[in-house]
Amino acid sequence: MNVVVELRLPPDEFALGALFAHRSEARIELERIVPTGEGAMPFFWVAAADPTFVTDVTLENSPVSSVEVVREIGNSALCRAVWSSEQRGIHGILTDHGVTLLDAEGCSDGWSFRIRFPDHEATTRFRKACDEQSISYEVHRIYSLTELSTGGHGLTDEQREALVTAFERGYFRVPRETSLSELAEQLEISPQAASGRLRRGLERMLDGTLFPQADRTGDKDTN
């Protein structure tokens, strides 16, 4: 039975966390859904006053060889990371254990990862591998895909808040009674972050409602 684990990591426990030392206000979101394996986690979004700063940063002693900006949209940029062949840290563990990273977000306060494992035994192997490398993390939630389909849709507190606020303020009505910028201001986050929370929340709700019992281990990256 597939098991989904939501966990929190300190900012420096993932290689891209080194970027926060250069822009503390930056937010990073890995492109979803990202299967681990060769070329895992190449694309991510950066939201900052000047998101192109990533090209000027040298990530020393990091498994990330280089970062390039693929596309800019306002204060956000789609970036591509080239990972070295040396697999270590949380990235190496995810790759070696063949699990699926469903989504990941980071800021200077830390990272939120949502990972799908094939079974509970795989979560135990993951925990032992993290212990061996002294990688610290905090488990926020563990649930099966069956539980996902029977209650809550696997929404995080932030996604639920965003969806409820958007619904109450008429964001989904035609015509809309509030804008994305106004919604973001109410949530005290950026418009890009608000859009991401709504998108991910709606995707989880539709996924759990339309395909409640499906085993989606072959999910592909979606833009």
N, C-alpha and C. Protein backbone atom coordinates (compact mmCIF):
# COMPACT_ATOMS: atom_id res chain seq x y z
N MET A 1 0.84 -1.19 0.00
CA MET A 1 0.00 0.00 0.00
C MET A 1 0.88 1.25 0.00
N ASN A 2 0.63 2.16 -0.93
CA ASN A 2 1.40 3.40 -0.99
C ASN A 2 1.17 4.25 0.24
N VAL A 3 2.24 4.85 0.73
CA VAL A 3 2.20 5.69 1.92
C VAL A 3 2.78 7.06 1.58
N VAL A 4 2.09 8.10 1.98
CA VAL A 4 2.56 9.47 1.76
C VAL A 4 3.03 10.05 3.09
N VAL A 5 4.22 10.62 3.07
CA VAL A 5 4.80 11.22 4.27
C VAL A 5 5.05 12.70 4.00
N GLU A 6 4.55 13.54 4.88
CA GLU A 6 4.84 14.97 4.82
C GLU A 6 5.81 15.29 5.95
N LEU A 7 6.92 15.91 5.59
CA LEU A 7 7.93 16.20 6.60
C LEU A 7 8.52 17.58 6.41
N ARG A 8 9.14 18.07 7.48
CA ARG A 8 9.79 19.38 7.48
C ARG A 8 11.28 19.18 7.72
N LEU A 9 12.10 19.94 6.99
CA LEU A 9 13.54 19.90 7.16
C LEU A 9 14.07 21.31 7.38
N PRO A 10 15.17 21.45 8.13
CA PRO A 10 15.83 22.75 8.25
C PRO A 10 16.29 23.21 6.87
N PRO A 11 16.44 24.50 6.65
CA PRO A 11 16.79 25.00 5.32
C PRO A 11 18.09 24.44 4.75
N ASP A 12 19.06 24.14 5.61
CA ASP A 12 20.34 23.67 5.12
C ASP A 12 20.41 22.15 4.91
N GLU A 13 19.30 21.44 5.11
CA GLU A 13 19.30 20.00 4.92
C GLU A 13 19.01 19.59 3.47
N PHE A 14 18.76 20.58 2.60
CA PHE A 14 18.58 20.33 1.18
C PHE A 14 19.49 21.29 0.43
N ALA A 15 20.17 20.79 -0.60
CA ALA A 15 21.23 21.55 -1.25
C ALA A 15 20.82 22.96 -1.68
N LEU A 16 19.61 23.11 -2.22
CA LEU A 16 19.17 24.42 -2.69
C LEU A 16 18.94 25.41 -1.55
N GLY A 17 18.94 24.92 -0.32
CA GLY A 17 18.76 25.80 0.82
C GLY A 17 19.87 26.82 0.96
N ALA A 18 21.02 26.56 0.34
CA ALA A 18 22.13 27.51 0.39
C ALA A 18 21.77 28.84 -0.27
N LEU A 19 20.76 28.81 -1.15
CA LEU A 19 20.34 30.05 -1.83
C LEU A 19 19.73 31.05 -0.86
N PHE A 20 19.14 30.56 0.24
CA PHE A 20 18.49 31.46 1.19
C PHE A 20 19.49 32.34 1.92
N ALA A 21 20.74 31.93 1.96
CA ALA A 21 21.77 32.76 2.59
C ALA A 21 22.04 34.02 1.78
N HIS A 22 21.68 33.99 0.50
CA HIS A 22 21.90 35.14 -0.38
C HIS A 22 20.65 35.99 -0.53
N ARG A 23 19.45 35.39 -0.39
CA ARG A 23 18.19 36.12 -0.42
C ARG A 23 17.26 35.47 0.59
N SER A 24 17.21 36.04 1.79
CA SER A 24 16.44 35.41 2.87
C SER A 24 14.94 35.43 2.58
N GLU A 25 14.49 36.36 1.70
CA GLU A 25 13.05 36.45 1.43
C GLU A 25 12.63 35.50 0.30
N ALA A 26 13.58 34.83 -0.32
CA ALA A 26 13.27 33.96 -1.45
C ALA A 26 12.44 32.75 -1.03
N ARG A 27 11.62 32.28 -1.95
CA ARG A 27 10.85 31.06 -1.76
C ARG A 27 11.12 30.16 -2.96
N ILE A 28 11.28 28.88 -2.70
CA ILE A 28 11.59 27.92 -3.75
C ILE A 28 10.53 26.83 -3.78
N GLU A 29 10.08 26.48 -4.97
CA GLU A 29 9.11 25.40 -5.14
C GLU A 29 9.61 24.48 -6.25
N LEU A 30 9.81 23.21 -5.94
CA LEU A 30 10.22 22.25 -6.95
C LEU A 30 9.05 21.93 -7.85
N GLU A 31 9.33 21.76 -9.13
CA GLU A 31 8.27 21.42 -10.07
C GLU A 31 7.66 20.07 -9.73
N ARG A 32 6.35 19.95 -9.86
CA ARG A 32 5.63 18.73 -9.51
C ARG A 32 5.06 18.07 -10.77
N ILE A 33 4.79 16.79 -10.79
CA ILE A 33 5.24 15.77 -9.84
C ILE A 33 6.60 15.30 -10.33
N VAL A 34 7.55 15.09 -9.43
CA VAL A 34 8.92 14.83 -9.82
C VAL A 34 9.35 13.43 -9.40
N PRO A 35 9.43 12.47 -10.33
CA PRO A 35 9.93 11.15 -9.96
C PRO A 35 11.42 11.24 -9.68
N THR A 36 11.91 10.56 -8.65
CA THR A 36 13.34 10.54 -8.40
C THR A 36 14.00 9.57 -9.35
N GLY A 37 15.30 9.67 -9.49
CA GLY A 37 16.04 8.84 -10.43
C GLY A 37 17.03 9.71 -11.18
N GLU A 38 17.54 9.26 -12.30
CA GLU A 38 18.51 10.04 -13.04
C GLU A 38 17.89 11.35 -13.49
N GLY A 39 18.56 12.44 -13.23
CA GLY A 39 18.03 13.74 -13.59
C GLY A 39 16.91 14.20 -12.68
N ALA A 40 16.83 13.64 -11.48
CA ALA A 40 15.74 13.98 -10.56
C ALA A 40 15.81 15.44 -10.13
N MET A 41 14.63 16.03 -9.94
CA MET A 41 14.51 17.38 -9.40
C MET A 41 15.31 18.43 -10.17
N PRO A 42 15.22 18.45 -11.50
CA PRO A 42 15.99 19.46 -12.23
C PRO A 42 15.37 20.85 -12.22
N PHE A 43 14.03 20.94 -12.17
CA PHE A 43 13.37 22.24 -12.32
C PHE A 43 12.75 22.72 -11.01
N PHE A 44 12.89 24.00 -10.76
CA PHE A 44 12.29 24.60 -9.58
C PHE A 44 12.01 26.07 -9.85
N TRP A 45 11.03 26.61 -9.10
CA TRP A 45 10.68 28.02 -9.20
C TRP A 45 11.29 28.80 -8.04
N VAL A 46 11.76 29.98 -8.33
CA VAL A 46 12.27 30.88 -7.30
C VAL A 46 11.44 32.16 -7.34
N ALA A 47 10.91 32.56 -6.19
CA ALA A 47 10.19 33.82 -6.07
C ALA A 47 11.00 34.74 -5.18
N ALA A 48 11.38 35.90 -5.72
CA ALA A 48 12.18 36.88 -4.97
C ALA A 48 12.12 38.19 -5.73
N ALA A 49 12.62 39.25 -5.10
CA ALA A 49 12.63 40.55 -5.75
C ALA A 49 13.41 40.48 -7.06
N ASP A 50 14.51 39.75 -7.06
CA ASP A 50 15.30 39.52 -8.27
C ASP A 50 15.66 38.05 -8.32
N PRO A 51 14.76 37.22 -8.87
CA PRO A 51 14.97 35.77 -8.83
C PRO A 51 16.18 35.29 -9.62
N THR A 52 16.72 36.14 -10.52
CA THR A 52 17.86 35.71 -11.32
C THR A 52 19.16 35.70 -10.50
N PHE A 53 19.08 36.06 -9.22
CA PHE A 53 20.28 36.03 -8.39
C PHE A 53 20.88 34.64 -8.33
N VAL A 54 20.07 33.61 -8.60
CA VAL A 54 20.55 32.23 -8.49
C VAL A 54 21.71 31.95 -9.44
N THR A 55 21.79 32.67 -10.55
CA THR A 55 22.87 32.43 -11.50
C THR A 55 24.19 33.00 -11.02
N ASP A 56 24.16 33.87 -10.03
CA ASP A 56 25.38 34.49 -9.50
C ASP A 56 25.90 33.78 -8.26
N VAL A 57 25.17 32.78 -7.80
CA VAL A 57 25.53 32.09 -6.56
C VAL A 57 26.35 30.85 -6.87
N THR A 58 27.47 30.69 -6.17
CA THR A 58 28.28 29.48 -6.28
C THR A 58 27.97 28.59 -5.09
N LEU A 59 27.41 27.43 -5.37
CA LEU A 59 27.04 26.50 -4.31
C LEU A 59 28.21 25.58 -4.02
N GLU A 60 29.12 26.03 -3.15
CA GLU A 60 30.31 25.26 -2.84
C GLU A 60 29.97 24.04 -1.99
N ASN A 61 30.74 22.96 -2.21
CA ASN A 61 30.54 21.71 -1.47
C ASN A 61 29.10 21.24 -1.54
N SER A 62 28.51 21.38 -2.73
CA SER A 62 27.10 21.02 -2.93
C SER A 62 26.98 20.03 -4.08
N PRO A 63 25.99 19.13 -4.03
CA PRO A 63 25.75 18.23 -5.17
C PRO A 63 25.14 18.94 -6.37
N VAL A 64 24.83 20.21 -6.23
CA VAL A 64 24.31 20.99 -7.36
C VAL A 64 25.50 21.60 -8.10
N SER A 65 25.69 21.18 -9.34
CA SER A 65 26.83 21.66 -10.13
C SER A 65 26.60 23.07 -10.67
N SER A 66 25.37 23.34 -11.11
CA SER A 66 25.07 24.66 -11.67
C SER A 66 23.57 24.89 -11.66
N VAL A 67 23.20 26.18 -11.79
CA VAL A 67 21.80 26.58 -11.86
C VAL A 67 21.65 27.60 -12.98
N GLU A 68 20.66 27.43 -13.81
CA GLU A 68 20.39 28.39 -14.87
C GLU A 68 18.93 28.80 -14.86
N VAL A 69 18.66 30.01 -15.30
CA VAL A 69 17.29 30.51 -15.39
C VAL A 69 16.73 30.15 -16.76
N VAL A 70 15.60 29.46 -16.75
CA VAL A 70 14.95 29.03 -17.99
C VAL A 70 13.94 30.07 -18.46
N ARG A 71 13.18 30.63 -17.52
CA ARG A 71 12.13 31.59 -17.88
C ARG A 71 11.84 32.50 -16.70
N GLU A 72 11.59 33.77 -16.97
CA GLU A 72 11.21 34.73 -15.94
C GLU A 72 9.76 35.15 -16.12
N ILE A 73 9.02 35.21 -15.01
CA ILE A 73 7.65 35.70 -15.01
C ILE A 73 7.50 36.61 -13.79
N GLY A 74 7.57 37.92 -14.03
CA GLY A 74 7.47 38.86 -12.91
C GLY A 74 8.60 38.65 -11.92
N ASN A 75 8.22 38.45 -10.66
CA ASN A 75 9.22 38.23 -9.61
C ASN A 75 9.50 36.75 -9.38
N SER A 76 9.19 35.93 -10.36
CA SER A 76 9.45 34.50 -10.27
C SER A 76 10.27 34.05 -11.47
N ALA A 77 11.04 32.99 -11.27
CA ALA A 77 11.85 32.45 -12.35
C ALA A 77 11.85 30.93 -12.28
N LEU A 78 11.67 30.30 -13.44
CA LEU A 78 11.80 28.86 -13.54
C LEU A 78 13.27 28.56 -13.78
N CYS A 79 13.84 27.74 -12.92
CA CYS A 79 15.27 27.45 -12.99
C CYS A 79 15.52 25.96 -13.20
N ARG A 80 16.70 25.67 -13.70
CA ARG A 80 17.10 24.28 -13.91
C ARG A 80 18.40 24.04 -13.15
N ALA A 81 18.39 23.02 -12.32
CA ALA A 81 19.58 22.65 -11.56
C ALA A 81 20.23 21.43 -12.19
N VAL A 82 21.54 21.46 -12.30
CA VAL A 82 22.30 20.30 -12.77
C VAL A 82 22.97 19.68 -11.55
N TRP A 83 22.60 18.44 -11.27
CA TRP A 83 23.13 17.75 -10.10
C TRP A 83 24.37 16.94 -10.48
N SER A 84 25.33 16.90 -9.58
CA SER A 84 26.54 16.12 -9.82
C SER A 84 26.22 14.64 -9.70
N SER A 85 27.14 13.81 -10.15
CA SER A 85 26.94 12.36 -10.07
C SER A 85 27.05 11.85 -8.64
N GLU A 86 27.62 12.66 -7.77
CA GLU A 86 27.75 12.26 -6.37
C GLU A 86 26.41 12.44 -5.67
N GLN A 87 25.83 11.34 -5.22
CA GLN A 87 24.53 11.39 -4.58
C GLN A 87 24.70 11.34 -3.06
N ARG A 88 24.34 12.42 -2.41
CA ARG A 88 24.40 12.45 -0.95
C ARG A 88 23.33 13.39 -0.44
N GLY A 89 23.15 13.38 0.87
CA GLY A 89 22.11 14.21 1.45
C GLY A 89 20.73 13.67 1.15
N ILE A 90 19.71 14.49 1.41
CA ILE A 90 18.34 14.06 1.21
C ILE A 90 18.06 13.74 -0.25
N HIS A 91 18.68 14.48 -1.16
CA HIS A 91 18.50 14.23 -2.59
C HIS A 91 19.00 12.84 -2.95
N GLY A 92 20.18 12.46 -2.46
CA GLY A 92 20.73 11.15 -2.75
C GLY A 92 19.89 10.02 -2.16
N ILE A 93 19.37 10.23 -0.95
CA ILE A 93 18.55 9.20 -0.32
C ILE A 93 17.26 8.98 -1.09
N LEU A 94 16.61 10.06 -1.51
CA LEU A 94 15.38 9.93 -2.29
C LEU A 94 15.64 9.20 -3.59
N THR A 95 16.76 9.51 -4.23
CA THR A 95 17.09 8.88 -5.50
C THR A 95 17.41 7.40 -5.32
N ASP A 96 18.25 7.10 -4.33
CA ASP A 96 18.69 5.72 -4.11
C ASP A 96 17.54 4.81 -3.72
N HIS A 97 16.54 5.35 -3.02
CA HIS A 97 15.45 4.51 -2.52
C HIS A 97 14.28 4.43 -3.49
N GLY A 98 14.38 5.11 -4.63
CA GLY A 98 13.36 4.98 -5.66
C GLY A 98 11.97 5.40 -5.25
N VAL A 99 11.86 6.37 -4.35
CA VAL A 99 10.55 6.87 -3.96
C VAL A 99 10.19 8.06 -4.84
N THR A 100 9.02 8.60 -4.66
CA THR A 100 8.56 9.70 -5.50
C THR A 100 8.35 10.95 -4.67
N LEU A 101 9.03 12.00 -5.06
CA LEU A 101 8.85 13.30 -4.41
C LEU A 101 7.68 13.99 -5.09
N LEU A 102 6.57 14.11 -4.38
CA LEU A 102 5.36 14.69 -4.96
C LEU A 102 5.46 16.20 -5.06
N ASP A 103 5.93 16.85 -4.02
CA ASP A 103 6.18 18.28 -4.09
C ASP A 103 7.08 18.70 -2.93
N ALA A 104 7.69 19.85 -3.10
CA ALA A 104 8.58 20.38 -2.07
C ALA A 104 8.62 21.89 -2.18
N GLU A 105 8.57 22.56 -1.05
CA GLU A 105 8.63 24.02 -0.98
C GLU A 105 9.65 24.40 0.09
N GLY A 106 10.34 25.50 -0.14
CA GLY A 106 11.31 25.92 0.85
C GLY A 106 11.39 27.42 0.99
N CYS A 107 11.77 27.86 2.18
CA CYS A 107 12.05 29.26 2.46
C CYS A 107 13.12 29.27 3.54
N SER A 108 13.49 30.45 4.02
CA SER A 108 14.56 30.55 5.01
C SER A 108 14.20 29.87 6.32
N ASP A 109 12.91 29.56 6.52
CA ASP A 109 12.47 28.88 7.74
C ASP A 109 12.61 27.35 7.63
N GLY A 110 12.71 26.83 6.41
CA GLY A 110 12.83 25.39 6.24
C GLY A 110 12.12 24.88 5.01
N TRP A 111 12.11 23.56 4.85
CA TRP A 111 11.53 22.89 3.70
C TRP A 111 10.33 22.04 4.10
N SER A 112 9.35 21.98 3.20
CA SER A 112 8.22 21.07 3.36
C SER A 112 8.26 20.09 2.20
N PHE A 113 8.41 18.81 2.51
CA PHE A 113 8.47 17.77 1.49
C PHE A 113 7.24 16.86 1.62
N ARG A 114 6.70 16.43 0.49
CA ARG A 114 5.64 15.41 0.48
C ARG A 114 6.15 14.27 -0.40
N ILE A 115 6.35 13.11 0.23
CA ILE A 115 7.00 11.98 -0.44
C ILE A 115 6.09 10.77 -0.44
N ARG A 116 6.03 10.06 -1.57
CA ARG A 116 5.23 8.85 -1.65
C ARG A 116 6.15 7.63 -1.65
N PHE A 117 5.89 6.72 -0.71
CA PHE A 117 6.64 5.48 -0.57
C PHE A 117 5.76 4.31 -1.00
N PRO A 118 6.36 3.23 -1.51
CA PRO A 118 5.55 2.07 -1.92
C PRO A 118 4.90 1.34 -0.76
N ASP A 119 5.50 1.41 0.45
CA ASP A 119 4.94 0.73 1.62
C ASP A 119 5.60 1.28 2.88
N HIS A 120 5.15 0.80 4.04
CA HIS A 120 5.69 1.27 5.30
C HIS A 120 7.14 0.84 5.50
N GLU A 121 7.51 -0.33 4.95
CA GLU A 121 8.89 -0.79 5.07
C GLU A 121 9.84 0.20 4.40
N ALA A 122 9.40 0.81 3.30
CA ALA A 122 10.23 1.78 2.59
C ALA A 122 10.43 3.04 3.44
N THR A 123 9.43 3.42 4.21
CA THR A 123 9.59 4.59 5.08
C THR A 123 10.62 4.30 6.17
N THR A 124 10.66 3.05 6.64
CA THR A 124 11.64 2.66 7.66
C THR A 124 13.05 2.72 7.09
N ARG A 125 13.23 2.24 5.86
CA ARG A 125 14.55 2.30 5.22
C ARG A 125 14.98 3.74 5.00
N PHE A 126 14.02 4.59 4.64
CA PHE A 126 14.31 6.01 4.45
C PHE A 126 14.78 6.63 5.77
N ARG A 127 14.07 6.34 6.85
CA ARG A 127 14.44 6.89 8.16
C ARG A 127 15.84 6.45 8.58
N LYS A 128 16.15 5.17 8.36
CA LYS A 128 17.47 4.67 8.74
C LYS A 128 18.57 5.33 7.91
N ALA A 129 18.31 5.55 6.63
CA ALA A 129 19.30 6.20 5.77
C ALA A 129 19.55 7.64 6.21
N CYS A 130 18.48 8.33 6.62
CA CYS A 130 18.63 9.70 7.12
C CYS A 130 19.41 9.71 8.43
N ASP A 131 19.14 8.74 9.30
CA ASP A 131 19.86 8.65 10.57
C ASP A 131 21.35 8.41 10.33
N GLU A 132 21.68 7.59 9.34
CA GLU A 132 23.08 7.29 9.05
C GLU A 132 23.84 8.52 8.59
N GLN A 133 23.15 9.46 7.94
CA GLN A 133 23.78 10.69 7.47
C GLN A 133 23.50 11.87 8.40
N SER A 134 22.89 11.59 9.54
CA SER A 134 22.57 12.62 10.55
C SER A 134 21.72 13.74 9.95
N ILE A 135 20.78 13.36 9.09
CA ILE A 135 19.85 14.33 8.50
C ILE A 135 18.65 14.47 9.42
N SER A 136 18.42 15.67 9.88
CA SER A 136 17.32 15.91 10.81
C SER A 136 16.07 16.34 10.05
N TYR A 137 14.93 15.85 10.50
CA TYR A 137 13.66 16.25 9.92
C TYR A 137 12.55 15.96 10.92
N GLU A 138 11.41 16.58 10.68
CA GLU A 138 10.24 16.40 11.54
C GLU A 138 9.07 15.91 10.70
N VAL A 139 8.52 14.77 11.07
CA VAL A 139 7.37 14.23 10.33
C VAL A 139 6.12 15.01 10.73
N HIS A 140 5.45 15.55 9.73
CA HIS A 140 4.23 16.33 9.99
C HIS A 140 3.00 15.45 9.88
N ARG A 141 3.02 14.50 8.92
CA ARG A 141 1.84 13.66 8.71
C ARG A 141 2.20 12.43 7.90
N ILE A 142 1.56 11.31 8.19
CA ILE A 142 1.72 10.08 7.41
C ILE A 142 0.32 9.55 7.11
N TYR A 143 0.05 9.21 5.85
CA TYR A 143 -1.26 8.66 5.50
C TYR A 143 -1.14 7.80 4.26
N SER A 144 -2.06 6.88 4.09
CA SER A 144 -2.11 6.03 2.91
C SER A 144 -2.98 6.69 1.85
N LEU A 145 -2.90 6.22 0.62
CA LEU A 145 -3.74 6.76 -0.44
C LEU A 145 -5.21 6.47 -0.16
N THR A 146 -5.49 5.37 0.55
CA THR A 146 -6.87 5.07 0.91
C THR A 146 -7.40 6.14 1.86
N GLU A 147 -6.58 6.51 2.85
CA GLU A 147 -6.99 7.55 3.79
C GLU A 147 -7.14 8.88 3.08
N LEU A 148 -6.30 9.10 2.09
CA LEU A 148 -6.38 10.34 1.32
C LEU A 148 -7.72 10.48 0.63
N SER A 149 -8.25 9.35 0.15
CA SER A 149 -9.50 9.39 -0.61
C SER A 149 -10.73 9.44 0.27
N THR A 150 -10.58 9.12 1.58
CA THR A 150 -11.75 9.05 2.44
C THR A 150 -11.92 10.24 3.36
N GLY A 151 -10.98 11.15 3.37
CA GLY A 151 -11.17 12.32 4.23
C GLY A 151 -10.04 13.31 4.13
N GLY A 152 -10.39 14.56 3.92
CA GLY A 152 -9.40 15.62 3.95
C GLY A 152 -8.65 15.83 2.66
N HIS A 153 -8.63 14.84 1.76
CA HIS A 153 -7.97 14.95 0.47
C HIS A 153 -6.48 15.21 0.59
N GLY A 154 -5.90 15.03 1.78
CA GLY A 154 -4.48 15.22 1.93
C GLY A 154 -4.03 16.66 1.87
N LEU A 155 -4.95 17.60 2.09
CA LEU A 155 -4.60 19.02 2.04
C LEU A 155 -3.75 19.41 3.24
N THR A 156 -2.75 20.26 2.98
CA THR A 156 -2.02 20.84 4.10
C THR A 156 -2.88 21.94 4.72
N ASP A 157 -2.51 22.38 5.91
CA ASP A 157 -3.27 23.46 6.56
C ASP A 157 -3.24 24.71 5.71
N GLU A 158 -2.09 24.99 5.07
CA GLU A 158 -1.96 26.20 4.24
C GLU A 158 -2.85 26.11 3.00
N GLN A 159 -2.89 24.94 2.37
CA GLN A 159 -3.74 24.78 1.19
C GLN A 159 -5.21 24.88 1.54
N ARG A 160 -5.59 24.28 2.66
CA ARG A 160 -6.98 24.37 3.08
C ARG A 160 -7.36 25.82 3.37
N GLU A 161 -6.48 26.55 4.05
CA GLU A 161 -6.75 27.96 4.35
C GLU A 161 -6.92 28.76 3.07
N ALA A 162 -6.04 28.51 2.09
CA ALA A 162 -6.11 29.24 0.83
C ALA A 162 -7.41 28.95 0.09
N LEU A 163 -7.80 27.68 0.03
CA LEU A 163 -9.03 27.30 -0.67
C LEU A 163 -10.28 27.85 0.02
N VAL A 164 -10.30 27.76 1.35
CA VAL A 164 -11.45 28.27 2.09
C VAL A 164 -11.58 29.78 1.92
N THR A 165 -10.45 30.48 2.04
CA THR A 165 -10.47 31.94 1.88
C THR A 165 -10.91 32.32 0.48
N ALA A 166 -10.38 31.62 -0.53
CA ALA A 166 -10.74 31.91 -1.92
C ALA A 166 -12.23 31.67 -2.16
N PHE A 167 -12.73 30.58 -1.58
CA PHE A 167 -14.15 30.25 -1.76
C PHE A 167 -15.04 31.29 -1.09
N GLU A 168 -14.71 31.64 0.15
CA GLU A 168 -15.53 32.59 0.90
C GLU A 168 -15.53 33.98 0.27
N ARG A 169 -14.42 34.35 -0.35
CA ARG A 169 -14.31 35.70 -0.93
C ARG A 169 -14.71 35.74 -2.40
N GLY A 170 -15.23 34.64 -2.91
CA GLY A 170 -15.77 34.65 -4.27
C GLY A 170 -14.75 34.56 -5.38
N TYR A 171 -13.58 33.98 -5.07
CA TYR A 171 -12.54 33.90 -6.10
C TYR A 171 -12.95 32.97 -7.24
N PHE A 172 -13.76 31.95 -6.92
CA PHE A 172 -14.15 30.98 -7.93
C PHE A 172 -15.46 31.34 -8.63
N ARG A 173 -16.10 32.45 -8.23
CA ARG A 173 -17.35 32.85 -8.87
C ARG A 173 -17.09 33.54 -10.20
N VAL A 174 -18.13 33.58 -11.03
CA VAL A 174 -18.04 34.27 -12.32
C VAL A 174 -19.10 35.36 -12.35
N PRO A 175 -18.70 36.65 -12.43
CA PRO A 175 -17.30 37.09 -12.42
C PRO A 175 -16.69 36.99 -11.02
N ARG A 176 -15.37 37.00 -10.95
CA ARG A 176 -14.68 36.90 -9.68
C ARG A 176 -14.95 38.12 -8.82
N GLU A 177 -15.10 37.86 -7.52
CA GLU A 177 -15.37 38.94 -6.58
C GLU A 177 -14.12 39.39 -5.84
N THR A 178 -13.00 38.72 -6.11
CA THR A 178 -11.72 39.14 -5.53
C THR A 178 -10.62 38.71 -6.49
N SER A 179 -9.51 39.41 -6.45
CA SER A 179 -8.40 39.09 -7.35
C SER A 179 -7.38 38.21 -6.62
N LEU A 180 -6.44 37.65 -7.38
CA LEU A 180 -5.39 36.83 -6.78
C LEU A 180 -4.51 37.69 -5.87
N SER A 181 -4.26 38.92 -6.27
CA SER A 181 -3.44 39.82 -5.44
C SER A 181 -4.13 40.12 -4.11
N GLU A 182 -5.45 40.35 -4.15
CA GLU A 182 -6.19 40.61 -2.92
C GLU A 182 -6.22 39.38 -2.03
N LEU A 183 -6.36 38.22 -2.67
CA LEU A 183 -6.36 36.97 -1.92
C LEU A 183 -4.99 36.75 -1.26
N ALA A 184 -3.93 37.01 -2.01
CA ALA A 184 -2.58 36.86 -1.46
C ALA A 184 -2.35 37.80 -0.29
N GLU A 185 -2.86 39.02 -0.41
CA GLU A 185 -2.72 39.99 0.69
C GLU A 185 -3.44 39.50 1.94
N GLN A 186 -4.60 38.91 1.75
CA GLN A 186 -5.37 38.38 2.88
C GLN A 186 -4.60 37.24 3.55
N LEU A 187 -3.93 36.41 2.75
CA LEU A 187 -3.17 35.28 3.28
C LEU A 187 -1.78 35.66 3.75
N GLU A 188 -1.38 36.91 3.44
CA GLU A 188 -0.06 37.44 3.81
C GLU A 188 1.06 36.66 3.14
N ILE A 189 0.85 36.35 1.86
CA ILE A 189 1.87 35.70 1.05
C ILE A 189 1.89 36.37 -0.32
N SER A 190 2.83 35.98 -1.18
CA SER A 190 2.92 36.56 -2.51
C SER A 190 1.84 35.98 -3.41
N PRO A 191 1.46 36.71 -4.48
CA PRO A 191 0.49 36.15 -5.43
C PRO A 191 0.94 34.83 -6.02
N GLN A 192 2.25 34.68 -6.27
CA GLN A 192 2.76 33.43 -6.82
C GLN A 192 2.57 32.28 -5.84
N ALA A 193 2.81 32.56 -4.56
CA ALA A 193 2.63 31.52 -3.54
C ALA A 193 1.16 31.17 -3.38
N ALA A 194 0.29 32.19 -3.44
CA ALA A 194 -1.15 31.94 -3.33
C ALA A 194 -1.64 31.09 -4.49
N SER A 195 -1.18 31.42 -5.70
CA SER A 195 -1.56 30.65 -6.87
C SER A 195 -1.10 29.20 -6.74
N GLY A 196 0.11 29.00 -6.22
CA GLY A 196 0.62 27.66 -6.04
C GLY A 196 -0.18 26.85 -5.04
N ARG A 197 -0.57 27.49 -3.93
CA ARG A 197 -1.36 26.77 -2.92
C ARG A 197 -2.72 26.37 -3.46
N LEU A 198 -3.35 27.28 -4.20
CA LEU A 198 -4.65 26.95 -4.79
C LEU A 198 -4.51 25.81 -5.80
N ARG A 199 -3.50 25.90 -6.63
CA ARG A 199 -3.30 24.89 -7.67
C ARG A 199 -3.03 23.51 -7.06
N ARG A 200 -2.13 23.47 -6.07
CA ARG A 200 -1.80 22.19 -5.45
C ARG A 200 -2.98 21.63 -4.67
N GLY A 201 -3.70 22.52 -3.98
CA GLY A 201 -4.85 22.07 -3.21
C GLY A 201 -5.94 21.50 -4.10
N LEU A 202 -6.24 22.20 -5.19
CA LEU A 202 -7.25 21.71 -6.12
C LEU A 202 -6.82 20.40 -6.77
N GLU A 203 -5.53 20.28 -7.07
CA GLU A 203 -5.04 19.05 -7.69
C GLU A 203 -5.22 17.87 -6.73
N ARG A 204 -4.90 18.08 -5.44
CA ARG A 204 -5.04 17.00 -4.48
C ARG A 204 -6.50 16.60 -4.31
N MET A 205 -7.39 17.59 -4.26
CA MET A 205 -8.80 17.29 -4.11
C MET A 205 -9.33 16.51 -5.32
N LEU A 206 -8.97 16.94 -6.51
CA LEU A 206 -9.43 16.25 -7.72
C LEU A 206 -8.81 14.87 -7.82
N ASP A 207 -7.53 14.76 -7.46
CA ASP A 207 -6.84 13.48 -7.52
C ASP A 207 -7.50 12.46 -6.60
N GLY A 208 -7.80 12.89 -5.37
CA GLY A 208 -8.41 11.98 -4.41
C GLY A 208 -9.86 11.67 -4.73
N THR A 209 -10.55 12.59 -5.42
CA THR A 209 -11.97 12.39 -5.75
C THR A 209 -12.16 11.58 -7.02
N LEU A 210 -11.38 11.89 -8.06
CA LEU A 210 -11.56 11.23 -9.35
C LEU A 210 -10.87 9.88 -9.43
N PHE A 211 -9.74 9.74 -8.69
CA PHE A 211 -8.98 8.50 -8.76
C PHE A 211 -8.68 8.00 -7.35
N PRO A 212 -9.70 7.69 -6.56
CA PRO A 212 -9.51 7.38 -5.14
C PRO A 212 -8.68 6.15 -4.86
N GLN A 213 -8.72 5.14 -5.71
CA GLN A 213 -8.02 3.90 -5.42
C GLN A 213 -6.86 3.65 -6.38
N ALA A 214 -6.54 4.60 -7.21
CA ALA A 214 -5.53 4.34 -8.24
C ALA A 214 -4.13 4.37 -7.65
N ASP A 215 -3.26 3.53 -8.19
CA ASP A 215 -1.85 3.54 -7.85
C ASP A 215 -1.13 4.32 -8.94
N ARG A 216 -0.72 5.55 -8.62
CA ARG A 216 -0.19 6.43 -9.65
C ARG A 216 1.32 6.51 -9.59
N THR A 217 2.00 5.36 -9.46
CA THR A 217 3.45 5.37 -9.36
C THR A 217 4.09 5.81 -10.66
N GLY A 218 3.34 5.89 -11.72
CA GLY A 218 3.91 6.30 -12.99
C GLY A 218 3.61 7.74 -13.33
N ASP A 219 3.26 8.54 -12.33
CA ASP A 219 2.95 9.95 -12.59
C ASP A 219 4.09 10.62 -13.31
N LYS A 220 3.74 11.54 -14.16
CA LYS A 220 4.74 12.29 -14.91
C LYS A 220 4.80 13.71 -14.40
N ASP A 221 5.93 14.33 -14.73
CA ASP A 221 6.11 15.73 -14.35
C ASP A 221 5.08 16.57 -15.07
N THR A 222 4.46 17.49 -14.35
CA THR A 222 3.47 18.37 -14.95
C THR A 222 3.87 19.81 -14.76
N ASN A 223 3.63 20.61 -15.77
CA ASN A 223 3.98 22.03 -15.68
C ASN A 223 2.74 22.86 -15.42
